[in-house]
PDB file of N, CA and C in Angstrom:
ATOM      1  N   MET A   1       1.114  -1.020  -0.094  1.00  0.00           N
ATOM      2  CA  MET A   1       0.233   0.163  -0.218  1.00  0.00           C
ATOM      3  C   MET A   1       0.815   1.319   0.153  1.00  0.00           C
ATOM      4  N   GLU A   2       0.432   2.018  -0.820  1.00  0.00           N
ATOM      5  CA  GLU A   2       1.042   3.491  -0.642  1.00  0.00           C
ATOM      6  C   GLU A   2       1.050   4.203   0.171  1.00  0.00           C
ATOM      7  N   SER A   3       2.336   4.937   0.774  1.00  0.00           N
ATOM      8  CA  SER A   3       1.755   5.419   2.018  1.00  0.00           C
ATOM      9  C   SER A   3       1.519   7.010   1.601  1.00  0.00           C
ATOM     10  N   ALA A   4       1.098   7.876   2.372  1.00  0.00           N
ATOM     11  CA  ALA A   4       0.983   9.846   2.050  1.00  0.00           C
ATOM     12  C   ALA A   4       1.970  10.422   1.239  1.00  0.00           C
ATOM     13  N   ILE A   5       3.204  10.123   1.715  1.00  0.00           N
ATOM     14  CA  ILE A   5       4.727  10.217   1.210  1.00  0.00           C
ATOM     15  C   ILE A   5       4.849   9.990  -0.250  1.00  0.00           C
ATOM     16  N   ASP A   6       4.664   8.804  -0.218  1.00  0.00           N
ATOM     17  CA  ASP A   6       4.725   8.447  -1.768  1.00  0.00           C
ATOM     18  C   ASP A   6       3.834   8.606  -2.350  1.00  0.00           C
ATOM     19  N   LYS A   7       2.478   9.385  -1.963  1.00  0.00           N
ATOM     20  CA  LYS A   7       1.383  10.106  -2.567  1.00  0.00           C
ATOM     21  C   LYS A   7       1.583  11.233  -3.214  1.00  0.00           C
ATOM     22  N   VAL A   8       2.358  11.952  -2.201  1.00  0.00           N
ATOM     23  CA  VAL A   8       2.783  13.204  -2.122  1.00  0.00           C
ATOM     24  C   VAL A   8       3.626  13.358  -3.277  1.00  0.00           C
ATOM     25  N   ASP A   9       4.625  12.538  -3.282  1.00  0.00           N
ATOM     26  CA  ASP A   9       6.001  12.633  -4.519  1.00  0.00           C
ATOM     27  C   ASP A   9       4.770  12.170  -6.294  1.00  0.00           C
ATOM     28  N   GLY A  10       4.049  11.685  -5.912  1.00  0.00           N
ATOM     29  CA  GLY A  10       3.898  10.841  -7.350  1.00  0.00           C
ATOM     30  C   GLY A  10       2.522  12.064  -7.843  1.00  0.00           C
ATOM     31  N   HIS A  11       1.962  12.923  -7.019  1.00  0.00           N
ATOM     32  CA  HIS A  11       1.071  13.732  -7.638  1.00  0.00           C
ATOM     33  C   HIS A  11       1.244  15.179  -7.060  1.00  0.00           C
ATOM     34  N   ALA A  12       2.373  15.300  -7.070  1.00  0.00           N
ATOM     35  CA  ALA A  12       3.095  16.459  -6.786  1.00  0.00           C
ATOM     36  C   ALA A  12       2.405  18.021  -7.274  1.00  0.00           C
ATOM     37  N   ALA A  13       2.490  17.799  -8.475  1.00  0.00           N
ATOM     38  CA  ALA A  13       1.763  18.790  -9.492  1.00  0.00           C
ATOM     39  C   ALA A  13       0.462  19.336  -8.741  1.00  0.00           C
ATOM     40  N   GLY A  14      -0.277  18.553  -8.979  1.00  0.00           N
ATOM     41  CA  GLY A  14      -1.809  18.728  -8.391  1.00  0.00           C
ATOM     42  C   GLY A  14      -1.490  19.198  -7.298  1.00  0.00           C
ATOM     43  N   ILE A  15      -1.060  18.747  -6.255  1.00  0.00           N
ATOM     44  CA  ILE A  15      -1.261  18.701  -4.499  1.00  0.00           C
ATOM     45  C   ILE A  15      -0.217  20.465  -4.347  1.00  0.00           C
ATOM     46  N   ARG A  16       0.570  20.525  -5.741  1.00  0.00           N
ATOM     47  CA  ARG A  16       1.616  21.619  -4.929  1.00  0.00           C
ATOM     48  C   ARG A  16       0.482  23.147  -5.891  1.00  0.00           C
ATOM     49  N   GLY A  17      -0.301  22.754  -6.387  1.00  0.00           N
ATOM     50  CA  GLY A  17      -1.208  23.777  -7.037  1.00  0.00           C
ATOM     51  C   GLY A  17      -2.420  23.981  -6.117  1.00  0.00           C
ATOM     52  N   ARG A  18      -2.886  23.192  -5.554  1.00  0.00           N
ATOM     53  CA  ARG A  18      -3.822  23.652  -4.746  1.00  0.00           C
ATOM     54  C   ARG A  18      -3.187  23.927  -3.555  1.00  0.00           C
ATOM     55  N   SER A  19      -2.377  23.229  -2.884  1.00  0.00           N
ATOM     56  CA  SER A  19      -1.074  24.199  -1.153  1.00  0.00           C
ATOM     57  C   SER A  19      -0.913  25.495  -2.110  1.00  0.00           C
ATOM     58  N   LYS A  20      -0.701  25.685  -3.622  1.00  0.00           N
ATOM     59  CA  LYS A  20      -0.688  27.298  -3.255  1.00  0.00           C
ATOM     60  C   LYS A  20      -1.916  28.085  -3.400  1.00  0.00           C
ATOM     61  N   LEU A  21      -2.995  27.637  -3.778  1.00  0.00           N
ATOM     62  CA  LEU A  21      -4.047  28.453  -3.822  1.00  0.00           C
ATOM     63  C   LEU A  21      -4.508  27.931  -2.402  1.00  0.00           C
ATOM     64  N   LEU A  22      -4.732  27.420  -1.666  1.00  0.00           N
ATOM     65  CA  LEU A  22      -5.222  27.091   0.035  1.00  0.00           C
ATOM     66  C   LEU A  22      -4.768  27.762   0.830  1.00  0.00           C
ATOM     67  N   PHE A  23      -2.930  27.502   0.805  1.00  0.00           N
ATOM     68  CA  PHE A  23      -2.382  27.580   1.603  1.00  0.00           C
ATOM     69  C   PHE A  23      -1.347  28.557   1.490  1.00  0.00           C
ATOM     70  N   GLY A  24      -1.139  29.818   0.357  1.00  0.00           N
ATOM     71  CA  GLY A  24      -0.199  30.593  -0.246  1.00  0.00           C
ATOM     72  C   GLY A  24       1.330  30.354  -0.528  1.00  0.00           C
ATOM     73  N   ASN A  25       1.296  29.032  -0.648  1.00  0.00           N
ATOM     74  CA  ASN A  25       2.408  28.427  -0.809  1.00  0.00           C
ATOM     75  C   ASN A  25       2.514  26.840  -1.404  1.00  0.00           C
ATOM     76  N   ALA A  26       3.082  26.539  -2.352  1.00  0.00           N
ATOM     77  CA  ALA A  26       3.110  25.147  -3.080  1.00  0.00           C
ATOM     78  C   ALA A  26       3.750  24.476  -2.349  1.00  0.00           C
ATOM     79  N   ASP A  27       4.673  24.762  -1.466  1.00  0.00           N
ATOM     80  CA  ASP A  27       5.269  23.448  -0.887  1.00  0.00           C
ATOM     81  C   ASP A  27       4.698  23.118   0.536  1.00  0.00           C
ATOM     82  N   ARG A  28       3.674  23.865   0.820  1.00  0.00           N
ATOM     83  CA  ARG A  28       3.355  23.474   2.647  1.00  0.00           C
ATOM     84  C   ARG A  28       2.831  22.165   2.529  1.00  0.00           C
ATOM     85  N   LEU A  29       1.873  21.833   1.709  1.00  0.00           N
ATOM     86  CA  LEU A  29       0.989  20.696   2.147  1.00  0.00           C
ATOM     87  C   LEU A  29       2.223  19.432   1.668  1.00  0.00           C
ATOM     88  N   GLN A  30       3.037  19.500   1.012  1.00  0.00           N
ATOM     89  CA  GLN A  30       3.754  18.518   0.847  1.00  0.00           C
ATOM     90  C   GLN A  30       4.839  18.395   1.861  1.00  0.00           C
ATOM     91  N   VAL A  31       5.197  19.302   2.578  1.00  0.00           N
ATOM     92  CA  VAL A  31       6.152  19.454   3.686  1.00  0.00           C
ATOM     93  C   VAL A  31       4.686  18.898   5.114  1.00  0.00           C
ATOM     94  N   ALA A  32       4.372  19.216   5.188  1.00  0.00           N
ATOM     95  CA  ALA A  32       3.231  18.966   5.771  1.00  0.00           C
ATOM     96  C   ALA A  32       2.903  17.787   5.981  1.00  0.00           C
ATOM     97  N   ALA A  33       2.556  16.688   5.308  1.00  0.00           N
ATOM     98  CA  ALA A  33       2.199  15.256   4.989  1.00  0.00           C
ATOM     99  C   ALA A  33       4.030  14.563   4.679  1.00  0.00           C
ATOM    100  N   ALA A  34       5.113  15.037   4.637  1.00  0.00           N
ATOM    101  CA  ALA A  34       6.032  15.348   5.360  1.00  0.00           C
ATOM    102  C   ALA A  34       6.389  14.469   6.537  1.00  0.00           C
ATOM    103  N   VAL A  35       6.086  15.652   7.013  1.00  0.00           N
ATOM    104  CA  VAL A  35       6.070  15.713   8.681  1.00  0.00           C
ATOM    105  C   VAL A  35       4.936  14.614   9.207  1.00  0.00           C
ATOM    106  N   ALA A  36       4.188  14.425   8.818  1.00  0.00           N
ATOM    107  CA  ALA A  36       2.751  13.877   9.486  1.00  0.00           C
ATOM    108  C   ALA A  36       3.350  12.663   9.492  1.00  0.00           C
ATOM    109  N   ASN A  37       4.009  12.027   8.659  1.00  0.00           N
ATOM    110  CA  ASN A  37       4.300  11.047   8.298  1.00  0.00           C
ATOM    111  C   ASN A  37       5.839  10.377   8.969  1.00  0.00           C
ATOM    112  N   SER A  38       6.087  11.465   9.422  1.00  0.00           N
ATOM    113  CA  SER A  38       7.713  11.446  10.054  1.00  0.00           C
ATOM    114  C   SER A  38       7.354  10.623  11.763  1.00  0.00           C
ATOM    115  N   PRO A  39       8.429  10.186  11.932  1.00  0.00           N
ATOM    116  CA  PRO A  39       8.815   9.249  13.347  1.00  0.00           C
ATOM    117  C   PRO A  39       8.250  11.052  14.247  1.00  0.00           C
ATOM    118  N   GLY A  40       8.219  12.358  14.456  1.00  0.00           N
ATOM    119  CA  GLY A  40       8.186  13.347  15.285  1.00  0.00           C
ATOM    120  C   GLY A  40       9.146  14.403  15.377  1.00  0.00           C
ATOM    121  N   VAL A  41      10.587  14.089  15.072  1.00  0.00           N
ATOM    122  CA  VAL A  41      11.773  15.070  15.093  1.00  0.00           C
ATOM    123  C   VAL A  41      11.884  14.458  13.551  1.00  0.00           C
ATOM    124  N   VAL A  42      12.071  16.069  13.179  1.00  0.00           N
ATOM    125  CA  VAL A  42      12.653  16.160  11.771  1.00  0.00           C
ATOM    126  C   VAL A  42      13.266  17.138  11.472  1.00  0.00           C
ATOM    127  N   HIS A  43      14.407  17.240  10.671  1.00  0.00           N
ATOM    128  CA  HIS A  43      15.306  18.696  10.324  1.00  0.00           C
ATOM    129  C   HIS A  43      14.959  18.838   8.511  1.00  0.00           C
ATOM    130  N   ALA A  44      15.856  20.280   8.885  1.00  0.00           N
ATOM    131  CA  ALA A  44      15.355  20.224   6.593  1.00  0.00           C
ATOM    132  C   ALA A  44      15.974  19.463   5.925  1.00  0.00           C
ATOM    133  N   GLN A  45      17.173  18.993   6.120  1.00  0.00           N
ATOM    134  CA  GLN A  45      17.554  18.515   5.171  1.00  0.00           C
ATOM    135  C   GLN A  45      17.008  16.844   4.920  1.00  0.00           C
ATOM    136  N   GLU A  46      16.727  15.917   5.411  1.00  0.00           N
ATOM    137  CA  GLU A  46      16.349  15.247   5.516  1.00  0.00           C
ATOM    138  C   GLU A  46      14.479  14.461   4.772  1.00  0.00           C
ATOM    139  N   LEU A  47      14.420  16.094   5.079  1.00  0.00           N
ATOM    140  CA  LEU A  47      12.912  16.306   4.563  1.00  0.00           C
ATOM    141  C   LEU A  47      13.309  16.753   3.280  1.00  0.00           C
ATOM    142  N   SER A  48      13.944  17.579   2.743  1.00  0.00           N
ATOM    143  CA  SER A  48      14.653  18.222   1.124  1.00  0.00           C
ATOM    144  C   SER A  48      14.922  16.617   0.654  1.00  0.00           C
ATOM    145  N   ASP A  49      15.414  15.684   0.895  1.00  0.00           N
ATOM    146  CA  ASP A  49      16.013  14.365   0.284  1.00  0.00           C
ATOM    147  C   ASP A  49      14.698  13.584   0.338  1.00  0.00           C
ATOM    148  N   ALA A  50      14.197  13.871   0.866  1.00  0.00           N
ATOM    149  CA  ALA A  50      13.050  12.950   0.726  1.00  0.00           C
ATOM    150  C   ALA A  50      11.773  13.472  -0.344  1.00  0.00           C
ATOM    151  N   LEU A  51      11.310  14.615  -0.400  1.00  0.00           N
ATOM    152  CA  LEU A  51      10.929  15.530  -1.353  1.00  0.00           C
ATOM    153  C   LEU A  51      11.408  16.203  -2.465  1.00  0.00           C
ATOM    154  N   GLY A  52      12.346  16.396  -2.707  1.00  0.00           N
ATOM    155  CA  GLY A  52      13.425  17.033  -3.661  1.00  0.00           C
ATOM    156  C   GLY A  52      12.959  18.346  -3.549  1.00  0.00           C
ATOM    157  N   ILE A  53      12.964  19.225  -2.280  1.00  0.00           N
ATOM    158  CA  ILE A  53      12.477  20.637  -2.345  1.00  0.00           C
ATOM    159  C   ILE A  53      13.742  20.968  -1.467  1.00  0.00           C
ATOM    160  N   SER A  54      14.174  21.823  -2.170  1.00  0.00           N
ATOM    161  CA  SER A  54      16.101  22.875  -1.608  1.00  0.00           C
ATOM    162  C   SER A  54      15.602  22.811  -0.127  1.00  0.00           C
ATOM    163  N   PRO A  55      16.905  22.601   0.827  1.00  0.00           N
ATOM    164  CA  PRO A  55      16.289  22.889   1.970  1.00  0.00           C
ATOM    165  C   PRO A  55      16.053  24.088   2.619  1.00  0.00           C
ATOM    166  N   PRO A  56      16.329  25.469   2.074  1.00  0.00           N
ATOM    167  CA  PRO A  56      15.674  26.615   2.676  1.00  0.00           C
ATOM    168  C   PRO A  56      14.177  26.838   2.270  1.00  0.00           C
ATOM    169  N   ARG A  57      14.097  26.057   1.360  1.00  0.00           N
ATOM    170  CA  ARG A  57      12.313  26.452   0.727  1.00  0.00           C
ATOM    171  C   ARG A  57      11.395  25.231   2.472  1.00  0.00           C
ATOM    172  N   VAL A  58      12.146  23.979   2.698  1.00  0.00           N
ATOM    173  CA  VAL A  58      11.941  23.430   3.378  1.00  0.00           C
ATOM    174  C   VAL A  58      11.592  24.032   4.948  1.00  0.00           C
ATOM    175  N   ARG A  59      12.833  24.722   5.381  1.00  0.00           N
ATOM    176  CA  ARG A  59      12.833  25.527   6.751  1.00  0.00           C
ATOM    177  C   ARG A  59      11.800  26.066   6.774  1.00  0.00           C
ATOM    178  N   THR A  60      11.878  27.004   5.666  1.00  0.00           N
ATOM    179  CA  THR A  60      10.495  28.051   5.644  1.00  0.00           C
ATOM    180  C   THR A  60       9.353  27.750   6.211  1.00  0.00           C
ATOM    181  N   GLN A  61       8.840  26.336   5.456  1.00  0.00           N
ATOM    182  CA  GLN A  61       7.735  25.691   5.945  1.00  0.00           C
ATOM    183  C   GLN A  61       7.944  24.834   7.219  1.00  0.00           C
ATOM    184  N   LEU A  62       8.956  24.684   7.530  1.00  0.00           N
ATOM    185  CA  LEU A  62       9.249  24.369   9.610  1.00  0.00           C
ATOM    186  C   LEU A  62       9.069  25.448  10.171  1.00  0.00           C
ATOM    187  N   MET A  63      10.048  26.491   9.667  1.00  0.00           N
ATOM    188  CA  MET A  63       9.708  27.877  10.987  1.00  0.00           C
ATOM    189  C   MET A  63       7.640  28.401  11.024  1.00  0.00           C
ATOM    190  N   ALA A  64       7.581  27.795   9.487  1.00  0.00           N
ATOM    191  CA  ALA A  64       6.031  28.435   9.341  1.00  0.00           C
ATOM    192  C   ALA A  64       5.202  27.673  10.886  1.00  0.00           C
ATOM    193  N   PHE A  65       5.237  26.095  10.305  1.00  0.00           N
ATOM    194  CA  PHE A  65       4.615  25.352  11.648  1.00  0.00           C
ATOM    195  C   PHE A  65       5.290  25.596  12.370  1.00  0.00           C
ATOM    196  N   THR A  66       6.213  26.122  13.228  1.00  0.00           N
ATOM    197  CA  THR A  66       6.747  26.609  14.215  1.00  0.00           C
ATOM    198  C   THR A  66       6.202  27.881  15.038  1.00  0.00           C
ATOM    199  N   SER A  67       6.081  28.845  13.914  1.00  0.00           N
ATOM    200  CA  SER A  67       4.997  30.014  14.505  1.00  0.00           C
ATOM    201  C   SER A  67       3.589  29.945  14.154  1.00  0.00           C
ATOM    202  N   ALA A  68       3.201  28.387  14.073  1.00  0.00           N
ATOM    203  CA  ALA A  68       1.818  28.837  14.275  1.00  0.00           C
ATOM    204  C   ALA A  68       1.535  27.534  15.340  1.00  0.00           C
ATOM    205  N   GLY A  69       2.481  27.392  15.830  1.00  0.00           N
ATOM    206  CA  GLY A  69       2.128  26.624  17.013  1.00  0.00           C
ATOM    207  C   GLY A  69       2.165  24.735  16.535  1.00  0.00           C
ATOM    208  N   LEU A  70       2.644  24.686  15.340  1.00  0.00           N
ATOM    209  CA  LEU A  70       2.223  23.249  15.151  1.00  0.00           C
ATOM    210  C   LEU A  70       3.482  22.376  15.518  1.00  0.00           C
ATOM    211  N   MET A  71       4.435  22.932  15.515  1.00  0.00           N
ATOM    212  CA  MET A  71       5.784  22.672  15.906  1.00  0.00           C
ATOM    213  C   MET A  71       6.510  23.009  16.732  1.00  0.00           C
ATOM    214  N   THR A  72       7.968  22.447  17.498  1.00  0.00           N
ATOM    215  CA  THR A  72       8.830  23.133  18.484  1.00  0.00           C
ATOM    216  C   THR A  72      10.055  22.761  18.052  1.00  0.00           C
ATOM    217  N   ARG A  73      11.096  24.343  17.972  1.00  0.00           N
ATOM    218  CA  ARG A  73      12.259  24.390  17.595  1.00  0.00           C
ATOM    219  C   ARG A  73      13.086  23.390  18.063  1.00  0.00           C
ATOM    220  N   LEU A  74      13.908  22.628  18.538  1.00  0.00           N
ATOM    221  CA  LEU A  74      14.586  21.898  19.540  1.00  0.00           C
ATOM    222  C   LEU A  74      15.749  22.853  19.509  1.00  0.00           C
ATOM    223  N   PRO A  75      16.794  22.290  20.755  1.00  0.00           N
ATOM    224  CA  PRO A  75      17.998  23.038  20.865  1.00  0.00           C
ATOM    225  C   PRO A  75      18.935  22.309  19.473  1.00  0.00           C
ATOM    226  N   ARG A  76      19.924  23.550  19.311  1.00  0.00           N
ATOM    227  CA  ARG A  76      20.526  23.240  17.927  1.00  0.00           C
ATOM    228  C   ARG A  76      21.699  21.650  18.246  1.00  0.00           C
ATOM    229  N   ASN A  77      21.824  21.250  17.694  1.00  0.00           N
ATOM    230  CA  ASN A  77      22.950  19.722  17.640  1.00  0.00           C
ATOM    231  C   ASN A  77      23.918  20.102  16.590  1.00  0.00           C
ATOM    232  N   GLN A  78      24.970  20.982  17.052  1.00  0.00           N
ATOM    233  CA  GLN A  78      25.906  21.123  16.084  1.00  0.00           C
ATOM    234  C   GLN A  78      25.145  21.689  14.602  1.00  0.00           C
ATOM    235  N   ASN A  79      25.560  21.431  13.873  1.00  0.00           N
ATOM    236  CA  ASN A  79      24.727  22.272  12.869  1.00  0.00           C
ATOM    237  C   ASN A  79      23.689  21.942  12.341  1.00  0.00           C
ATOM    238  N   ILE A  80      22.896  21.126  12.745  1.00  0.00           N
ATOM    239  CA  ILE A  80      21.581  20.442  12.410  1.00  0.00           C
ATOM    240  C   ILE A  80      20.396  20.726  13.710  1.00  0.00           C
ATOM    241  N   GLN A  81      19.704  21.721  12.887  1.00  0.00           N
ATOM    242  CA  GLN A  81      18.158  22.214  13.726  1.00  0.00           C
ATOM    243  C   GLN A  81      17.413  21.203  13.679  1.00  0.00           C
ATOM    244  N   SER A  82      16.650  20.983  14.383  1.00  0.00           N
ATOM    245  CA  SER A  82      15.437  19.971  14.731  1.00  0.00           C
ATOM    246  C   SER A  82      14.746  20.344  15.140  1.00  0.00           C
ATOM    247  N   TYR A  83      13.609  19.942  14.376  1.00  0.00           N
ATOM    248  CA  TYR A  83      11.923  20.459  15.035  1.00  0.00           C
ATOM    249  C   TYR A  83      10.973  19.278  15.355  1.00  0.00           C
ATOM    250  N   GLU A  84      10.436  19.538  15.973  1.00  0.00           N
ATOM    251  CA  GLU A  84       9.358  18.376  17.042  1.00  0.00           C
ATOM    252  C   GLU A  84       7.889  18.759  16.244  1.00  0.00           C
ATOM    253  N   ARG A  85       7.185  17.681  16.108  1.00  0.00           N
ATOM    254  CA  ARG A  85       6.080  17.876  15.433  1.00  0.00           C
ATOM    255  C   ARG A  85       5.173  17.724  17.018  1.00  0.00           C
ATOM    256  N   ASN A  86       4.171  18.737  17.077  1.00  0.00           N
ATOM    257  CA  ASN A  86       3.593  18.813  18.321  1.00  0.00           C
ATOM    258  C   ASN A  86       1.819  18.030  17.906  1.00  0.00           C
ATOM    259  N   GLU A  87       0.884  17.710  18.848  1.00  0.00           N
ATOM    260  CA  GLU A  87       0.146  17.108  18.298  1.00  0.00           C
ATOM    261  C   GLU A  87      -0.962  18.264  18.018  1.00  0.00           C
ATOM    262  N   ASP A  88      -1.669  17.762  16.905  1.00  0.00           N
ATOM    263  CA  ASP A  88      -2.443  18.335  16.404  1.00  0.00           C
ATOM    264  C   ASP A  88      -3.125  17.971  14.978  1.00  0.00           C
ATOM    265  N   PRO A  89      -4.588  18.764  15.004  1.00  0.00           N
ATOM    266  CA  PRO A  89      -5.123  17.716  14.206  1.00  0.00           C
ATOM    267  C   PRO A  89      -4.971  18.326  12.682  1.00  0.00           C
ATOM    268  N   PHE A  90      -4.022  19.104  12.584  1.00  0.00           N
ATOM    269  CA  PHE A  90      -3.446  19.701  11.236  1.00  0.00           C
ATOM    270  C   PHE A  90      -2.721  18.495  10.751  1.00  0.00           C
ATOM    271  N   TRP A  91      -2.212  17.752  11.098  1.00  0.00           N
ATOM    272  CA  TRP A  91      -1.003  16.881  10.916  1.00  0.00           C
ATOM    273  C   TRP A  91      -1.976  15.790   9.777  1.00  0.00           C
ATOM    274  N   SER A  92      -2.959  15.487  10.792  1.00  0.00           N
ATOM    275  CA  SER A  92      -3.816  14.294   9.777  1.00  0.00           C
ATOM    276  C   SER A  92      -4.701  14.606   8.919  1.00  0.00           C
ATOM    277  N   LEU A  93      -4.945  16.037   9.198  1.00  0.00           N
ATOM    278  CA  LEU A  93      -5.514  17.053   7.662  1.00  0.00           C
ATOM    279  C   LEU A  93      -4.857  16.836   6.893  1.00  0.00           C
ATOM    280  N   ALA A  94      -3.503  17.025   6.766  1.00  0.00           N
ATOM    281  CA  ALA A  94      -2.510  16.987   5.944  1.00  0.00           C
ATOM    282  C   ALA A  94      -2.972  15.772   5.129  1.00  0.00           C
ATOM    283  N   LEU A  95      -2.480  14.494   5.902  1.00  0.00           N
ATOM    284  CA  LEU A  95      -2.368  13.287   5.185  1.00  0.00           C
ATOM    285  C   LEU A  95      -3.857  12.974   4.417  1.00  0.00           C
ATOM    286  N   ARG A  96      -4.951  13.343   5.166  1.00  0.00           N
ATOM    287  CA  ARG A  96      -5.912  13.018   4.510  1.00  0.00           C
ATOM    288  C   ARG A  96      -5.890  13.753   3.320  1.00  0.00           C
ATOM    289  N   LEU A  97      -5.772  15.190   2.949  1.00  0.00           N
ATOM    290  CA  LEU A  97      -5.578  15.797   1.982  1.00  0.00           C
ATOM    291  C   LEU A  97      -4.926  15.242   0.976  1.00  0.00           C
ATOM    292  N   VAL A  98      -3.970  14.485   1.181  1.00  0.00           N
ATOM    293  CA  VAL A  98      -2.677  14.293  -0.081  1.00  0.00           C
ATOM    294  C   VAL A  98      -3.216  13.034  -0.183  1.00  0.00           C
ATOM    295  N   GLU A  99      -4.017  12.183   0.852  1.00  0.00           N
ATOM    296  CA  GLU A  99      -4.702  10.512   0.524  1.00  0.00           C
ATOM    297  C   GLU A  99      -6.175  11.090  -0.815  1.00  0.00           C
ATOM    298  N   SER A 100      -6.468  12.056  -0.561  1.00  0.00           N
ATOM    299  CA  SER A 100      -7.809  12.178  -1.497  1.00  0.00           C
ATOM    300  C   SER A 100      -7.355  12.945  -3.114  1.00  0.00           C
ATOM    301  N   TRP A 101      -6.878  13.884  -2.423  1.00  0.00           N
ATOM    302  CA  TRP A 101      -6.122  14.509  -3.685  1.00  0.00           C
ATOM    303  C   TRP A 101      -5.618  13.367  -4.663  1.00  0.00           C
ATOM    304  N   GLY A 102      -4.838  12.540  -4.229  1.00  0.00           N
ATOM    305  CA  GLY A 102      -3.893  11.825  -4.800  1.00  0.00           C
ATOM    306  C   GLY A 102      -4.809  10.602  -5.649  1.00  0.00           C
TER     307      GLY A 102
END
């Protein structure tokens, strides 16, 4: 069975277009689904590698999620800035949107 992250990658154009229309940013829903599908602690480079989106663009989304209270910025570990996903219905919504639009 395909995971939500596979669906994000496989149908990126439609999802990116809808993300831009609904959230004002084409990357937001893809990154949100990847965060929702993660174990809970992520950093920009690993999401960038998985999604094929540059680390600065991923980092922008992680910072937006942090500003919205959806993630917590963890103390920096050497050169790696990690973020922890907070419990919120937004994450299951992101996965549901990707699944239904995929």
